[in-house]
């Protein structure tokens, strides 16, 4: 966004949230996302029984090459505004607001379509236009989540169960003599899902516990694949016999040498399959730490 437009939005008392600006002109709440080079995404969530006049204006602006496009999805109007045009951004916004007044439009909550007592709510990264009821429930939920103690024990066992369930995919593919990162993803996904279902809070400690259960799930899967391989060579061998012979198998250097290649390849694929999931959850944990939601105040 160029300096001139930033100054105009500041004068209109818009507030900056990450790469976006949110503000209020008269009774209309407007957000502007600065996501494209020399282009701004202007959004307005409203209801009106007569949108024709507004759309006529936007069509004229499009023909004049002042805007690139516009669209409406349910109640949300989205306009791609070109920063390079001669028309000033504040004049364009005021014209939109004036037309909305003429067609008796009203801004609505993005959650329940309530038209009274609206405001933007934000965690300083994302924002949403909500009524006081929806915003209040959001604030209360965040407060409850922040104050809730983390049950690491239940989360660990639920994550472990999930990892073992997810390891079925690894065992099935490994039994055919193949490795696939999607099987590693299945283990990590089920582990984190189990942790979530047990109401485990997403924290750094929680993620470390999930990494441990993912490793356990991987080792279990590799062990099961090894058992299947031995069963193919010795059909009369049952699981009990295999467990009994395990210390002997892993003490034989020749057998270990034959297994080390598959084990290292398995580690490679488990890393490939789980890295993205673990990384995304680390980011979420950082964002969720002491998460605060606030109502944007435009009176300053």
Protein backbone atom coordinates (compact mmCIF):
# COMPACT_ATOMS: atom_id res chain seq x y z
CA UNK A 1 0.00 0.00 0.00
CA UNK A 2 1.41 3.38 -0.95
CA UNK A 3 2.14 6.12 1.56
CA UNK A 4 -0.71 8.34 0.38
CA UNK A 5 -3.33 5.66 0.98
CA UNK A 6 -1.86 4.85 4.38
CA UNK A 7 -2.16 8.51 5.37
CA UNK A 8 -5.77 8.62 4.14
CA UNK A 9 -6.72 5.49 6.11
CA UNK A 10 -4.99 6.86 9.21
CA UNK A 11 -7.03 10.06 8.92
CA UNK A 12 -10.18 7.93 8.64
CA UNK A 13 -9.09 6.26 11.92
CA UNK A 14 -8.63 2.85 10.33
CA UNK A 15 -6.58 0.36 12.35
CA UNK A 16 -3.79 -1.81 10.91
CA UNK A 17 -3.91 -5.57 11.55
CA UNK A 18 -1.01 -7.46 9.96
CA UNK A 19 -1.39 -6.75 6.21
CA UNK A 20 -4.94 -5.45 6.56
CA UNK A 21 -6.75 -2.29 7.64
CA UNK A 22 -10.16 -2.19 9.29
CA UNK A 23 -12.32 0.83 9.90
CA UNK A 24 -15.73 2.39 10.21
CA UNK A 25 -17.19 5.15 8.02
CA UNK A 26 -20.54 6.35 9.31
CA UNK A 27 -22.33 3.08 10.16
CA UNK A 28 -20.43 0.92 7.71
CA UNK A 29 -17.55 -1.38 8.66
CA UNK A 30 -14.92 -1.80 5.96
CA UNK A 31 -11.81 -3.97 5.76
CA UNK A 32 -8.96 -3.60 3.28
CA UNK A 33 -6.46 -6.40 2.63
CA UNK A 34 -3.12 -5.40 1.13
CA UNK A 35 -2.32 -8.75 -0.48
CA UNK A 36 -1.59 -7.98 -4.11
CA UNK A 37 0.98 -5.68 -5.70
CA UNK A 38 -0.63 -2.28 -6.34
CA UNK A 39 -4.05 -3.78 -5.59
CA UNK A 40 -6.22 -3.62 -2.48
CA UNK A 41 -9.03 -6.02 -1.56
CA UNK A 42 -11.87 -3.94 -0.12
CA UNK A 43 -14.51 -5.93 1.78
CA UNK A 44 -17.92 -4.93 3.07
CA UNK A 45 -20.38 -7.32 4.70
CA UNK A 46 -23.91 -5.99 4.30
CA UNK A 47 -27.55 -6.71 3.47
CA UNK A 48 -29.83 -4.70 1.22
CA UNK A 49 -32.95 -5.43 -0.78
CA UNK A 50 -31.76 -3.15 -3.59
CA UNK A 51 -28.13 -3.54 -4.63
CA UNK A 52 -28.63 -2.46 -8.23
CA UNK A 53 -27.44 1.14 -7.83
CA UNK A 54 -24.27 0.04 -6.06
CA UNK A 55 -23.49 -2.57 -8.72
CA UNK A 56 -24.12 0.02 -11.45
CA UNK A 57 -21.53 2.30 -9.83
CA UNK A 58 -19.03 -0.56 -9.58
CA UNK A 59 -19.56 -1.48 -13.23
CA UNK A 60 -18.79 2.11 -14.22
CA UNK A 61 -15.68 2.08 -12.04
CA UNK A 62 -14.58 -1.16 -13.68
CA UNK A 63 -15.08 0.26 -17.18
CA UNK A 64 -13.10 3.35 -16.14
CA UNK A 65 -10.32 0.97 -15.02
CA UNK A 66 -10.49 2.25 -11.43
CA UNK A 67 -11.14 -1.25 -10.11
CA UNK A 68 -10.08 -4.59 -11.52
CA UNK A 69 -13.14 -6.57 -10.47
CA UNK A 70 -15.83 -7.00 -7.86
CA UNK A 71 -17.84 -9.94 -6.57
CA UNK A 72 -20.35 -10.75 -3.89
CA UNK A 73 -20.61 -13.98 -1.93
CA UNK A 74 -23.77 -14.12 0.19
CA UNK A 75 -23.47 -10.83 2.11
CA UNK A 76 -19.81 -10.03 1.48
CA UNK A 77 -18.89 -7.57 -1.24
CA UNK A 78 -15.28 -7.81 -2.39
CA UNK A 79 -13.69 -5.15 -4.61
CA UNK A 80 -10.22 -5.34 -6.16
CA UNK A 81 -9.14 -1.68 -6.14
CA UNK A 82 -6.18 -0.46 -8.22
CA UNK A 83 -3.81 1.75 -6.24
CA UNK A 84 -2.42 3.27 -9.42
CA UNK A 85 -5.65 5.03 -10.40
CA UNK A 86 -6.15 8.78 -10.03
CA UNK A 87 -9.24 8.33 -7.84
CA UNK A 88 -8.27 8.76 -4.19
CA UNK A 89 -8.91 5.79 -1.92
CA UNK A 90 -10.76 7.85 0.71
CA UNK A 91 -13.02 9.37 -1.96
CA UNK A 92 -13.77 5.90 -3.35
CA UNK A 93 -14.62 4.55 0.13
CA UNK A 94 -16.86 7.52 0.91
CA UNK A 95 -18.68 7.05 -2.40
CA UNK A 96 -19.29 3.38 -1.56
CA UNK A 97 -20.60 4.32 1.88
CA UNK A 98 -22.83 7.04 0.41
CA UNK A 99 -24.37 4.58 -2.06
CA UNK A 100 -24.87 2.03 0.71
CA UNK A 101 -26.78 4.67 2.63
CA UNK A 102 -28.96 5.42 -0.39
CA UNK A 103 -29.92 1.76 -0.86
CA UNK A 104 -30.57 1.43 2.89
CA UNK A 105 -27.86 -1.17 3.33
CA UNK A 106 -26.85 -2.40 6.77
CA UNK A 107 -23.67 -4.13 7.84
CA UNK A 108 -24.17 -7.58 9.34
CA UNK A 109 -22.31 -9.92 11.66
CA UNK A 110 -20.37 -12.49 9.64
CA UNK A 111 -21.53 -15.19 12.04
CA UNK A 112 -25.24 -14.63 12.69
CA UNK A 113 -26.25 -11.72 10.38
CA UNK A 114 -27.21 -9.50 13.31
CA UNK A 115 -27.15 -5.80 12.33
CA UNK A 116 -26.89 -4.18 15.78
CA UNK A 117 -23.85 -3.41 17.94
CA UNK A 118 -21.20 -4.58 15.50
CA UNK A 119 -17.45 -4.28 15.69
CA UNK A 120 -14.28 -5.89 14.43
CA UNK A 121 -12.68 -8.43 16.76
CA UNK A 122 -9.02 -9.36 16.30
CA UNK A 123 -6.11 -11.31 17.75
CA UNK A 124 -3.75 -8.86 15.97
CA UNK A 125 -3.29 -11.33 13.11
CA UNK A 126 -6.77 -11.95 11.73
CA UNK A 127 -10.06 -10.14 12.19
CA UNK A 128 -13.79 -10.73 11.97
CA UNK A 129 -16.85 -8.46 12.01
CA UNK A 130 -19.10 -9.69 14.82
CA UNK A 131 -22.07 -8.53 16.85
CA UNK A 132 -21.71 -8.12 20.62
CA UNK A 133 -23.29 -11.54 21.29
CA UNK A 134 -20.96 -13.47 18.97
CA UNK A 135 -17.98 -11.35 20.01
CA UNK A 136 -18.78 -11.89 23.68
CA UNK A 137 -18.97 -15.65 23.23
CA UNK A 138 -15.62 -15.57 21.44
CA UNK A 139 -14.01 -13.56 24.24
CA UNK A 140 -15.42 -15.91 26.88
CA UNK A 141 -14.24 -19.01 24.98
CA UNK A 142 -10.72 -17.64 24.67
CA UNK A 143 -10.67 -16.82 28.39
CA UNK A 144 -11.81 -20.35 29.24
CA UNK A 145 -9.21 -21.91 26.93
CA UNK A 146 -6.41 -19.78 28.37
CA UNK A 147 -7.35 -20.65 31.96
CA UNK A 148 -7.95 -24.37 31.30
CA UNK A 149 -5.27 -26.66 32.70
CA UNK A 150 -3.62 -28.97 30.23
CA UNK A 151 -4.16 -32.67 30.91
CA UNK A 152 -0.89 -33.91 29.47
CA UNK A 153 -1.39 -37.47 30.74
CA UNK A 154 -4.73 -38.00 29.00
CA UNK A 155 -3.42 -36.19 25.92
CA UNK A 156 -0.35 -38.42 25.78
CA UNK A 157 -2.29 -41.69 25.92
CA UNK A 158 -4.87 -40.44 23.42
CA UNK A 159 -2.07 -39.34 21.10
CA UNK A 160 -0.37 -42.73 21.52
CA UNK A 161 -3.60 -44.52 20.64
CA UNK A 162 -3.99 -42.28 17.60
CA UNK A 163 -0.40 -42.96 16.48
CA UNK A 164 -0.93 -46.71 16.76
CA UNK A 165 -4.14 -46.45 14.74
CA UNK A 166 -2.35 -44.35 12.13
CA UNK A 167 0.48 -46.90 11.96
CA UNK A 168 -1.92 -49.33 10.28
CA UNK A 169 -1.32 -47.47 7.00
CA UNK A 170 2.45 -47.81 7.45
CA UNK A 171 2.12 -51.53 8.21
CA UNK A 172 -0.13 -52.13 5.19
CA UNK A 173 2.26 -50.37 2.79
CA UNK A 174 5.37 -51.81 4.45
CA UNK A 175 4.00 -55.35 4.17
CA UNK A 176 4.05 -54.88 0.41
CA UNK A 177 7.70 -53.90 0.55
CA UNK A 178 7.24 -50.17 0.03
CA UNK A 179 7.65 -46.92 1.97
CA UNK A 180 5.47 -43.83 1.54
CA UNK A 181 5.50 -40.45 3.28
CA UNK A 182 1.68 -40.50 3.28
CA UNK A 183 1.88 -43.34 5.81
CA UNK A 184 4.05 -41.14 8.04
CA UNK A 185 1.49 -38.38 7.66
CA UNK A 186 -1.23 -40.81 8.77
CA UNK A 187 0.66 -41.55 11.98
CA UNK A 188 1.24 -37.88 12.81
CA UNK A 189 -2.29 -36.82 11.85
CA UNK A 190 -3.91 -39.50 14.03
CA UNK A 191 -1.56 -38.71 16.91
CA UNK A 192 -2.41 -35.01 16.94
CA UNK A 193 -6.10 -35.77 16.40
CA UNK A 194 -6.12 -38.09 19.42
CA UNK A 195 -4.38 -35.41 21.50
CA UNK A 196 -6.99 -32.88 20.39
CA UNK A 197 -9.92 -35.17 21.18
CA UNK A 198 -8.53 -35.65 24.69
CA UNK A 199 -8.73 -31.85 25.11
CA UNK A 200 -4.97 -31.51 25.17
CA UNK A 201 -3.90 -27.88 24.79
CA UNK A 202 -1.61 -27.22 21.85
CA UNK A 203 1.60 -26.14 23.55
CA UNK A 204 5.29 -26.84 23.04
CA UNK A 205 5.18 -29.54 25.71
CA UNK A 206 2.13 -31.06 24.07
CA UNK A 207 3.87 -31.16 20.69
CA UNK A 208 6.93 -32.84 22.20
CA UNK A 209 4.62 -35.50 23.67
CA UNK A 210 3.08 -35.98 20.22
CA UNK A 211 6.53 -36.37 18.65
CA UNK A 212 7.29 -39.09 21.20
CA UNK A 213 4.06 -40.95 20.40
CA UNK A 214 4.74 -40.59 16.66
CA UNK A 215 8.14 -42.22 17.16
CA UNK A 216 6.53 -45.01 19.19
CA UNK A 217 3.96 -45.49 16.43
CA UNK A 218 6.76 -45.64 13.85
CA UNK A 219 8.77 -48.20 15.85
CA UNK A 220 5.63 -50.29 16.41
CA UNK A 221 4.85 -50.19 12.68
CA UNK A 222 8.39 -51.17 11.74
CA UNK A 223 8.29 -54.01 14.24
CA UNK A 224 4.98 -55.23 12.80
CA UNK A 225 6.36 -55.06 9.25
CA UNK A 226 9.38 -57.06 10.38
CA UNK A 227 7.08 -59.69 11.91
CA UNK A 228 5.13 -59.93 8.65
CA UNK A 229 8.42 -60.38 6.78
CA UNK A 230 9.46 -63.22 9.07
CA UNK A 231 6.03 -64.83 8.72
CA UNK A 232 6.53 -64.93 4.95
CA UNK A 233 9.83 -66.75 5.46
CA UNK A 234 8.63 -68.94 8.33
CA UNK A 235 4.84 -69.46 8.01
CA UNK A 236 4.72 -71.56 11.18
CA UNK A 237 5.97 -68.65 13.31
CA UNK A 238 3.33 -66.90 15.43
CA UNK A 239 3.48 -63.54 17.18
CA UNK A 240 4.40 -65.06 20.53
CA UNK A 241 7.35 -66.91 18.99
CA UNK A 242 8.49 -63.73 17.24
CA UNK A 243 8.37 -61.69 20.45
CA UNK A 244 10.35 -64.41 22.23
CA UNK A 245 12.97 -64.45 19.48
CA UNK A 246 13.23 -60.66 19.25
CA UNK A 247 16.29 -60.32 21.57
CA UNK A 248 18.08 -62.99 19.56
CA UNK A 249 17.15 -61.39 16.24
CA UNK A 250 18.45 -57.97 17.28
CA UNK A 251 21.64 -59.41 18.74
CA UNK A 252 22.59 -61.00 15.42
CA UNK A 253 24.85 -58.55 13.55
CA UNK A 254 24.12 -60.10 10.17
CA UNK A 255 20.39 -59.61 10.64
CA UNK A 256 20.90 -56.07 11.94
CA UNK A 257 23.00 -55.19 8.88
CA UNK A 258 20.23 -56.44 6.61
CA UNK A 259 17.64 -54.37 8.50
CA UNK A 260 19.52 -51.11 8.94
CA UNK A 261 18.90 -49.96 5.36
CA UNK A 262 15.12 -50.36 5.65
CA UNK A 263 15.16 -48.72 9.08
CA UNK A 264 17.05 -45.64 7.84
CA UNK A 265 14.79 -45.43 4.79
CA UNK A 266 11.81 -45.66 7.13
CA UNK A 267 13.18 -42.76 9.21
CA UNK A 268 13.53 -40.68 6.04
CA UNK A 269 9.93 -41.27 5.07
CA UNK A 270 8.55 -40.73 8.59
CA UNK A 271 10.37 -37.36 8.66
CA UNK A 272 9.01 -36.45 5.22
CA UNK A 273 5.51 -37.47 6.24
CA UNK A 274 5.40 -35.78 9.64
CA UNK A 275 7.54 -32.65 9.24
CA UNK A 276 4.80 -30.43 7.82
CA UNK A 277 2.22 -31.51 10.40
CA UNK A 278 4.61 -30.95 13.30
CA UNK A 279 5.74 -27.59 11.90
CA UNK A 280 2.15 -26.37 11.44
CA UNK A 281 1.27 -27.38 14.99
CA UNK A 282 4.36 -25.64 16.38
CA UNK A 283 3.19 -22.45 14.65
CA UNK A 284 -0.32 -22.90 16.05
CA UNK A 285 1.08 -23.48 19.54
CA UNK A 286 3.08 -20.26 19.31
CA UNK A 287 0.01 -18.34 18.15
CA UNK A 288 -2.22 -19.89 20.81
CA UNK A 289 0.13 -19.07 23.67
CA UNK A 290 -1.62 -16.43 25.75
CA UNK A 291 -4.01 -15.78 22.88
CA UNK A 292 -5.86 -12.50 23.33
CA UNK A 293 -8.93 -11.33 21.43
CA UNK A 294 -9.96 -7.71 21.60
CA UNK A 295 -12.67 -5.49 20.20
CA UNK A 296 -11.27 -2.85 17.84
CA UNK A 297 -11.89 0.65 19.14
CA UNK A 298 -12.27 3.35 16.46
CA UNK A 299 -12.85 6.24 18.89
CA UNK A 300 -9.16 7.07 19.25
